[in-house]
N, C-alpha and C. Protein backbone atom coordinates (compact mmCIF):
# COMPACT_ATOMS: atom_id res chain seq x y z
N UNK A 1 119.29 97.20 49.81
CA UNK A 1 117.95 97.88 50.14
C UNK A 1 117.34 98.55 48.71
N UNK A 2 116.33 98.37 49.00
CA UNK A 2 115.39 99.01 47.54
C UNK A 2 115.10 100.55 48.11
N UNK A 3 115.01 101.27 47.32
CA UNK A 3 115.27 102.78 47.32
C UNK A 3 113.37 102.77 46.91
N UNK A 4 112.49 103.39 47.56
CA UNK A 4 111.48 104.17 46.81
C UNK A 4 111.27 105.58 46.74
N UNK A 5 110.76 105.38 45.60
CA UNK A 5 110.77 106.72 45.03
C UNK A 5 109.73 107.62 45.45
N UNK A 6 108.73 106.97 45.15
CA UNK A 6 107.43 107.51 45.44
C UNK A 6 106.19 106.65 46.08
N UNK A 7 105.11 106.81 47.24
CA UNK A 7 104.14 106.19 47.41
C UNK A 7 102.67 107.22 46.62
N UNK A 8 102.10 106.60 45.79
CA UNK A 8 100.72 107.13 45.71
C UNK A 8 99.62 106.39 45.58
N UNK A 9 98.47 106.91 46.37
CA UNK A 9 97.48 106.01 46.61
C UNK A 9 96.40 106.06 45.31
N UNK A 10 95.60 105.61 44.55
CA UNK A 10 94.92 106.13 43.65
C UNK A 10 93.46 105.22 43.68
N UNK A 11 92.38 106.12 44.87
CA UNK A 11 91.47 105.43 45.81
C UNK A 11 92.14 104.19 46.82
N UNK A 12 91.69 103.18 46.76
CA UNK A 12 92.08 102.32 47.59
C UNK A 12 93.39 101.59 47.43
N UNK A 13 94.07 101.69 45.85
CA UNK A 13 95.19 101.06 45.47
C UNK A 13 96.49 101.99 45.73
N UNK A 14 97.39 101.14 45.93
CA UNK A 14 99.02 101.49 46.70
C UNK A 14 99.35 101.28 45.15
N UNK A 15 100.03 102.56 44.73
CA UNK A 15 101.42 102.34 43.68
C UNK A 15 102.54 102.69 44.20
N UNK A 16 103.63 101.70 44.15
CA UNK A 16 104.99 102.37 44.69
C UNK A 16 106.00 102.29 43.07
N UNK A 17 106.65 103.46 43.21
CA UNK A 17 107.79 103.55 42.33
C UNK A 17 108.85 103.28 42.87
N UNK A 18 110.04 102.69 42.43
CA UNK A 18 110.92 102.06 42.99
C UNK A 18 112.33 102.16 42.21
N UNK A 19 113.32 102.40 42.40
CA UNK A 19 114.59 102.66 41.88
C UNK A 19 115.33 101.16 42.17
N UNK A 20 116.02 100.84 40.94
CA UNK A 20 116.86 99.36 40.98
C UNK A 20 115.92 98.56 41.43
N UNK A 21 115.01 98.06 40.81
CA UNK A 21 114.06 97.16 41.46
C UNK A 21 114.46 95.65 40.47
N UNK A 22 114.96 94.27 41.12
CA UNK A 22 115.30 92.91 40.23
C UNK A 22 114.01 92.18 40.64
N UNK A 23 113.25 92.32 41.79
CA UNK A 23 112.12 91.51 42.20
C UNK A 23 110.99 91.94 42.21
N UNK A 24 110.21 92.78 41.32
CA UNK A 24 108.83 93.35 41.32
C UNK A 24 107.86 92.70 42.11
N UNK A 25 107.59 91.57 41.86
CA UNK A 25 106.24 91.26 42.40
C UNK A 25 106.63 91.00 43.74
N UNK A 26 107.76 90.42 44.38
CA UNK A 26 107.52 90.25 46.27
C UNK A 26 107.64 91.61 46.48
N UNK A 27 108.60 92.65 46.19
CA UNK A 27 108.47 93.65 46.91
C UNK A 27 107.03 94.56 46.92
N UNK A 28 106.59 94.28 45.45
CA UNK A 28 105.45 95.05 45.46
C UNK A 28 104.41 94.58 46.52
N UNK A 29 104.29 93.40 46.04
CA UNK A 29 103.33 92.51 47.06
C UNK A 29 103.71 93.37 48.77
N UNK A 30 104.91 92.73 48.74
CA UNK A 30 105.53 93.16 50.55
C UNK A 30 105.50 94.81 51.00
N UNK A 31 105.08 95.52 49.94
CA UNK A 31 105.07 97.06 50.26
C UNK A 31 103.88 97.09 50.79
N UNK A 32 102.54 96.82 49.80
CA UNK A 32 101.42 96.86 49.32
C UNK A 32 101.19 96.42 51.21
N UNK A 33 101.24 95.36 51.47
CA UNK A 33 101.07 94.38 52.31
C UNK A 33 101.28 95.09 54.08
N UNK A 34 102.79 95.67 53.76
CA UNK A 34 102.82 96.44 55.03
C UNK A 34 101.84 97.76 55.09
N UNK A 35 101.91 98.36 53.92
CA UNK A 35 100.89 100.08 54.25
C UNK A 35 99.32 99.52 54.54
N UNK A 36 98.85 98.16 53.85
CA UNK A 36 97.57 98.16 54.62
C UNK A 36 97.58 97.82 56.11
N UNK A 37 98.83 96.87 56.46
CA UNK A 37 98.71 96.91 58.06
C UNK A 37 98.97 98.06 58.42
N UNK A 38 99.55 99.01 58.29
CA UNK A 38 99.40 100.22 59.28
C UNK A 38 98.50 100.93 59.01
N UNK A 39 97.56 101.14 57.72
CA UNK A 39 96.47 101.69 57.49
C UNK A 39 95.14 100.99 58.57
N UNK A 40 95.79 99.42 58.88
CA UNK A 40 94.67 99.01 59.25
C UNK A 40 94.76 99.17 60.93
N UNK A 41 96.29 99.17 61.06
CA UNK A 41 96.18 99.60 62.98
C UNK A 41 95.77 101.04 63.00
N UNK A 42 96.45 101.90 62.13
CA UNK A 42 95.74 103.30 62.36
C UNK A 42 94.33 103.69 62.71
N UNK A 43 93.43 102.91 61.54
CA UNK A 43 91.87 102.99 61.65
C UNK A 43 91.39 102.35 63.27
N UNK A 44 92.32 101.35 63.75
CA UNK A 44 91.48 100.58 64.66
C UNK A 44 91.80 101.55 65.57
N UNK A 45 93.44 102.22 65.88
CA UNK A 45 93.58 103.09 67.04
C UNK A 45 92.59 104.19 66.83
N UNK A 46 92.07 104.69 65.71
CA UNK A 46 91.09 105.86 65.70
C UNK A 46 89.92 105.28 66.62
N UNK A 47 89.31 104.03 66.10
CA UNK A 47 88.02 103.32 66.52
C UNK A 47 88.25 103.36 68.07
N UNK A 48 89.20 102.93 68.74
CA UNK A 48 89.66 102.58 69.91
C UNK A 48 89.54 103.95 70.62
N UNK A 49 89.99 104.82 70.09
CA UNK A 49 89.96 106.18 70.72
C UNK A 49 88.73 106.95 70.70
N UNK A 50 88.19 106.64 69.55
CA UNK A 50 86.58 107.11 69.61
C UNK A 50 85.26 106.22 70.38
N UNK A 51 85.71 104.95 70.70
CA UNK A 51 85.17 104.22 71.62
C UNK A 51 85.22 104.49 73.32
N UNK A 52 86.79 104.70 73.53
CA UNK A 52 86.89 105.39 75.03
C UNK A 52 86.00 106.36 74.98
N UNK A 53 86.09 107.18 74.29
CA UNK A 53 85.65 108.75 74.46
C UNK A 53 83.99 108.59 74.94
N UNK A 54 83.40 107.51 74.11
CA UNK A 54 82.20 107.71 74.10
C UNK A 54 81.40 106.79 75.25
N UNK A 55 82.39 105.63 75.36
CA UNK A 55 82.07 105.03 77.01
C UNK A 55 82.50 105.68 78.47
N UNK A 56 84.05 106.57 78.19
CA UNK A 56 84.49 107.06 79.55
C UNK A 56 83.59 108.08 79.46
N UNK A 57 83.62 109.19 78.64
CA UNK A 57 83.31 110.55 78.42
C UNK A 57 81.95 111.14 77.94
N UNK A 58 81.39 110.01 78.03
CA UNK A 58 79.81 109.67 77.50
C UNK A 58 79.85 111.24 76.35
N UNK A 59 80.55 111.10 75.27
CA UNK A 59 81.05 112.17 74.19
C UNK A 59 80.96 111.16 73.06
N UNK A 60 80.43 112.15 71.66
CA UNK A 60 80.51 111.47 70.61
C UNK A 60 81.41 112.32 69.81
N UNK A 61 82.66 111.95 69.73
CA UNK A 61 83.57 112.55 68.71
C UNK A 61 83.80 111.86 67.32
N UNK A 62 83.66 112.71 65.99
CA UNK A 62 84.44 112.39 65.09
C UNK A 62 85.81 112.35 64.24
N UNK A 63 86.37 111.00 64.43
CA UNK A 63 87.31 111.13 64.02
C UNK A 63 87.54 110.32 62.76
N UNK A 64 87.36 111.49 61.58
CA UNK A 64 87.20 110.80 60.31
C UNK A 64 88.48 111.21 59.51
N UNK A 65 89.01 109.88 59.17
CA UNK A 65 90.67 109.70 58.59
C UNK A 65 91.66 110.05 59.63
N UNK A 66 91.58 110.02 61.36
CA UNK A 66 92.36 109.62 62.15
C UNK A 66 92.33 111.78 62.23
N UNK A 67 91.66 112.35 62.09
CA UNK A 67 91.72 114.25 62.02
C UNK A 67 91.29 114.60 63.81
N UNK A 68 92.27 114.53 64.24
CA UNK A 68 92.24 115.67 65.52
C UNK A 68 92.25 116.93 65.27
N UNK A 69 91.09 117.79 65.75
CA UNK A 69 90.88 118.81 65.75
C UNK A 69 91.69 119.53 65.91
N UNK A 70 92.16 121.02 65.49
CA UNK A 70 93.08 121.56 65.73
C UNK A 70 93.22 122.00 66.74
N UNK A 71 92.12 122.99 67.82
CA UNK A 71 91.90 123.27 68.76
C UNK A 71 92.92 122.15 69.57
N UNK A 72 92.28 121.00 69.79
CA UNK A 72 92.92 119.88 70.51
C UNK A 72 94.58 119.70 70.42
N UNK A 73 95.21 119.91 68.87
CA UNK A 73 96.46 120.09 68.42
C UNK A 73 97.06 120.58 69.28
N UNK A 74 96.52 122.39 69.62
CA UNK A 74 97.08 123.55 69.90
C UNK A 74 97.02 123.11 71.35
N UNK A 75 96.22 122.17 72.19
CA UNK A 75 96.36 122.05 73.38
C UNK A 75 97.35 121.23 74.05
N UNK A 76 97.25 120.27 72.92
CA UNK A 76 98.78 119.40 73.47
C UNK A 76 100.04 119.81 73.17
N UNK A 77 99.91 120.93 71.66
CA UNK A 77 101.07 121.43 71.30
C UNK A 77 101.79 122.49 73.05
N UNK A 78 100.69 123.08 73.14
CA UNK A 78 100.87 123.97 74.43
C UNK A 78 101.35 123.26 75.64
N UNK A 79 100.61 121.76 75.79
CA UNK A 79 100.79 121.50 77.15
C UNK A 79 102.59 120.69 76.78
N UNK A 80 103.21 120.63 76.02
CA UNK A 80 104.17 120.31 75.51
C UNK A 80 105.49 120.95 75.52
N UNK A 81 104.79 122.81 75.52
CA UNK A 81 105.86 123.85 75.34
C UNK A 81 106.55 123.97 73.75
N UNK A 82 105.80 123.42 72.99
CA UNK A 82 106.67 123.83 71.58
C UNK A 82 105.64 123.12 70.18
N UNK A 83 105.87 123.48 69.35
CA UNK A 83 104.87 122.86 68.16
C UNK A 83 105.50 121.21 67.64
N UNK A 84 104.73 120.73 68.09
CA UNK A 84 105.42 119.09 67.90
C UNK A 84 105.83 118.38 69.17
N UNK A 85 106.30 117.35 68.75
CA UNK A 85 106.19 116.71 70.15
C UNK A 85 107.86 116.12 69.86
N UNK A 86 108.93 116.87 70.70
CA UNK A 86 110.10 116.03 70.34
C UNK A 86 110.56 114.86 71.14
N UNK A 87 110.25 114.69 72.19
CA UNK A 87 110.07 113.40 73.17
C UNK A 87 108.91 112.93 73.42
N UNK A 88 108.60 111.71 72.40
CA UNK A 88 107.30 110.98 72.67
C UNK A 88 107.50 110.23 74.00
N UNK A 89 108.70 109.66 74.14
CA UNK A 89 108.26 108.74 75.28
C UNK A 89 108.18 109.51 76.59
N UNK A 90 108.84 110.72 76.52
CA UNK A 90 108.97 111.26 77.90
C UNK A 90 107.43 111.75 78.23
N UNK A 91 106.66 112.39 77.24
CA UNK A 91 105.84 113.09 77.36
C UNK A 91 104.59 111.64 77.46
N UNK A 92 104.75 110.52 76.96
CA UNK A 92 104.16 109.82 77.02
C UNK A 92 103.71 109.03 78.59
N UNK A 93 104.97 109.18 79.10
CA UNK A 93 105.32 108.45 80.76
C UNK A 93 104.68 109.61 81.62
N UNK A 94 104.65 111.22 81.04
CA UNK A 94 103.97 111.96 82.13
C UNK A 94 102.51 111.81 82.06
N UNK A 95 101.84 111.52 80.80
CA UNK A 95 100.58 111.25 80.47
C UNK A 95 100.09 110.42 81.26
N UNK A 96 100.88 109.23 80.98
CA UNK A 96 100.13 107.84 82.00
C UNK A 96 100.41 107.99 83.57
N UNK A 97 101.37 108.75 83.70
CA UNK A 97 101.57 109.09 85.22
C UNK A 97 100.06 110.08 86.12
N UNK A 98 99.68 110.68 85.40
CA UNK A 98 98.70 111.19 85.18
C UNK A 98 97.28 110.54 85.07
N UNK A 99 97.35 109.50 84.30
CA UNK A 99 96.63 108.76 84.56
C UNK A 99 96.21 107.64 85.72
N UNK A 100 97.42 107.00 85.64
CA UNK A 100 97.61 106.22 86.83
C UNK A 100 97.43 107.13 88.16
N UNK A 101 97.42 108.54 88.23
CA UNK A 101 97.02 109.10 89.81
C UNK A 101 95.88 109.58 89.65
N UNK A 102 94.81 109.02 88.42
CA UNK A 102 93.64 109.54 88.39
C UNK A 102 93.77 111.10 88.51
N UNK A 103 94.42 111.79 88.06
CA UNK A 103 93.95 113.24 87.77
C UNK A 103 93.02 113.90 86.71
N UNK A 104 92.75 114.65 87.05
CA UNK A 104 91.09 115.14 86.64
C UNK A 104 91.74 115.59 85.07
N UNK A 105 91.06 115.05 83.98
CA UNK A 105 91.45 115.78 82.95
C UNK A 105 92.34 114.73 81.98
N UNK A 106 93.17 113.98 82.83
CA UNK A 106 94.23 113.03 82.20
C UNK A 106 93.42 112.08 81.05
N UNK A 107 92.34 111.33 81.23
CA UNK A 107 91.77 110.60 80.50
C UNK A 107 91.81 111.25 78.63
N UNK A 108 91.53 112.92 79.11
CA UNK A 108 91.21 113.62 78.05
C UNK A 108 92.59 113.72 77.27
N UNK A 109 93.59 113.76 77.68
CA UNK A 109 94.98 114.23 77.82
C UNK A 109 95.52 112.86 77.12
N UNK A 110 95.44 111.97 77.67
CA UNK A 110 96.35 110.40 77.17
C UNK A 110 95.19 110.45 75.58
N UNK A 111 93.85 110.96 75.49
CA UNK A 111 93.22 110.43 74.31
C UNK A 111 93.64 111.72 73.21
N UNK A 112 93.65 112.60 73.27
CA UNK A 112 94.53 113.78 72.45
C UNK A 112 95.51 113.27 72.07
N UNK A 113 96.42 112.92 72.89
CA UNK A 113 98.31 112.77 73.01
C UNK A 113 98.14 111.89 71.83
N UNK A 114 97.41 110.47 72.13
CA UNK A 114 97.37 109.09 71.10
C UNK A 114 96.63 109.67 69.80
N UNK A 115 95.98 110.32 69.98
CA UNK A 115 95.17 110.72 68.81
C UNK A 115 96.01 111.53 67.74
N UNK A 116 96.87 112.43 67.84
CA UNK A 116 97.67 113.49 67.62
C UNK A 116 98.85 112.49 67.17
N UNK A 117 99.29 111.22 68.05
CA UNK A 117 100.10 110.46 67.58
C UNK A 117 100.05 109.91 65.92
N UNK A 118 98.63 109.24 66.37
CA UNK A 118 98.29 108.52 65.36
C UNK A 118 98.31 108.97 64.16
N UNK A 119 97.97 110.61 63.86
CA UNK A 119 97.90 111.15 62.49
C UNK A 119 99.17 111.07 62.14
N UNK A 120 100.30 111.18 62.55
CA UNK A 120 101.49 111.12 62.34
C UNK A 120 101.74 109.70 61.33
N UNK A 121 102.64 110.06 60.25
CA UNK A 121 103.12 108.72 59.58
C UNK A 121 103.86 107.82 60.15
N UNK A 122 104.16 106.85 59.54
CA UNK A 122 105.15 105.71 60.04
C UNK A 122 106.61 106.34 60.11
N UNK A 123 106.97 106.78 59.23
CA UNK A 123 108.59 107.48 58.98
C UNK A 123 108.47 108.42 60.24
N UNK A 124 107.56 109.22 60.55
CA UNK A 124 107.75 110.30 61.41
C UNK A 124 107.94 110.07 62.80
N UNK A 125 107.36 108.79 62.96
CA UNK A 125 106.96 108.19 64.42
C UNK A 125 108.18 107.38 64.13
N UNK A 126 109.03 106.85 63.31
CA UNK A 126 110.15 105.83 63.59
C UNK A 126 111.29 106.80 63.79
N UNK A 127 111.38 107.84 62.95
CA UNK A 127 112.23 108.86 63.45
C UNK A 127 112.32 109.10 64.87
N UNK A 128 111.22 109.44 65.38
CA UNK A 128 111.50 109.42 67.08
C UNK A 128 111.29 108.11 67.80
N UNK A 129 111.63 106.83 67.48
CA UNK A 129 111.57 105.77 67.96
C UNK A 129 110.25 105.34 68.32
N UNK A 130 109.25 105.50 67.69
CA UNK A 130 107.86 105.04 67.96
C UNK A 130 107.29 104.73 67.07
N UNK A 131 105.98 104.13 67.13
CA UNK A 131 105.28 103.61 65.99
C UNK A 131 103.58 103.48 66.41
N UNK A 132 103.25 103.19 65.43
CA UNK A 132 101.37 103.20 65.36
C UNK A 132 101.08 101.74 66.47
N UNK A 133 101.95 100.71 66.38
CA UNK A 133 102.05 99.67 67.23
C UNK A 133 102.22 100.11 68.74
N UNK A 134 103.01 100.93 69.02
CA UNK A 134 103.23 101.71 70.31
C UNK A 134 102.00 102.41 70.96
N UNK A 135 101.09 102.81 69.88
CA UNK A 135 100.30 103.84 70.23
C UNK A 135 99.10 103.09 70.89
N UNK A 136 99.08 101.78 70.39
CA UNK A 136 97.58 100.66 70.22
C UNK A 136 98.22 100.45 71.43
N UNK A 137 99.44 99.81 72.18
CA UNK A 137 99.92 99.68 73.57
C UNK A 137 99.31 100.43 74.20
N UNK A 138 99.60 101.84 74.09
CA UNK A 138 99.61 102.90 75.16
C UNK A 138 98.23 103.11 75.23
N UNK A 139 97.28 102.66 74.48
CA UNK A 139 95.84 103.06 74.19
C UNK A 139 95.31 101.86 75.34
N UNK A 140 95.69 100.61 75.37
CA UNK A 140 95.16 99.62 76.04
C UNK A 140 95.85 99.74 77.06
N UNK A 141 96.78 99.94 77.51
CA UNK A 141 97.08 100.40 79.01
C UNK A 141 96.31 101.76 79.64
N UNK A 142 95.67 102.67 78.83
CA UNK A 142 94.58 103.31 79.52
C UNK A 142 93.84 103.10 79.57
N UNK A 143 93.02 102.07 78.75
CA UNK A 143 91.82 101.24 78.59
C UNK A 143 91.59 100.25 80.05
N UNK A 144 92.79 99.46 80.34
CA UNK A 144 93.15 98.56 81.33
C UNK A 144 92.96 99.50 82.69
N UNK A 145 93.41 100.85 82.68
CA UNK A 145 93.44 101.77 83.81
C UNK A 145 91.79 101.83 84.24
N UNK A 146 91.21 101.86 83.03
CA UNK A 146 89.71 102.47 83.41
C UNK A 146 88.77 101.11 83.16
N UNK A 147 88.93 99.82 83.16
CA UNK A 147 88.56 98.93 83.42
C UNK A 147 87.41 98.44 81.81
N UNK A 148 88.05 98.99 80.95
CA UNK A 148 87.75 98.30 79.34
C UNK A 148 88.53 97.84 78.37
N UNK A 149 89.60 97.21 78.93
CA UNK A 149 90.51 96.83 78.25
C UNK A 149 89.90 95.54 77.29
N UNK A 150 88.67 94.71 77.95
CA UNK A 150 88.04 93.72 77.52
C UNK A 150 87.31 94.39 75.88
N UNK A 151 87.00 95.30 76.39
CA UNK A 151 86.22 96.08 75.38
C UNK A 151 87.15 96.76 73.93
N UNK A 152 88.07 97.08 74.64
CA UNK A 152 89.24 97.37 73.57
C UNK A 152 89.35 96.17 72.41
N UNK A 153 90.11 95.16 73.56
CA UNK A 153 90.60 93.90 72.50
C UNK A 153 89.67 93.42 71.88
N UNK A 154 88.36 93.46 72.08
CA UNK A 154 87.09 93.06 70.81
C UNK A 154 87.44 94.22 69.89
N UNK A 155 87.72 95.00 69.86
CA UNK A 155 88.38 96.08 68.39
C UNK A 155 89.03 95.67 68.03
N UNK A 156 90.13 95.36 68.81
CA UNK A 156 91.74 94.91 68.04
C UNK A 156 91.60 93.83 67.30
N UNK A 157 90.95 93.03 67.55
CA UNK A 157 90.69 91.37 66.82
C UNK A 157 90.56 91.53 65.63
C-alpha cells in the first residue's frame, strides 16, 4: 500500500507527495486519474442538482464549486437532529420515502441532502460507507420519480 503524505492542487494540476514509492509513474498517473474522475462526478452531480431545481422548481440556483448555502446546511442538520450526518443511508431512505409518497417539500429536501453530501470529500463519504457515485444513483432515482431521468442521463454522459 502506498502512503500519500499530501494532496495539493496548483491550479488544475494535482501534485501528490508519497512515502516509500518505487513505481512513480504508474502511481502518480493512477492517483491523478482517480482524482479527476472524482472531480468529474462531483461537478456532474452539481449540474444535475442545478438542472433539477430549474426544471422541477422553476428556480435558478448557483452551485459554485459545490457550495450549498449555509441556510440549507442548517436546515438539513436540524432535520437530522445533529451537526453533520452520521447515518447517511438511513436519512437517504427517509428522504426517498418522502419523495415516493409525493410529500410536500420532499424534492427540496432530497436536493439539499444530495448537495450537502456532494460537498463532502470522498474519504469522508467512504468513512460512512457512501460515495459520490452513490449520490449520482440517488439523484437518478429522484429524477426517475419526477419523470426527467432522460434529461439527467444526458448530463451524466
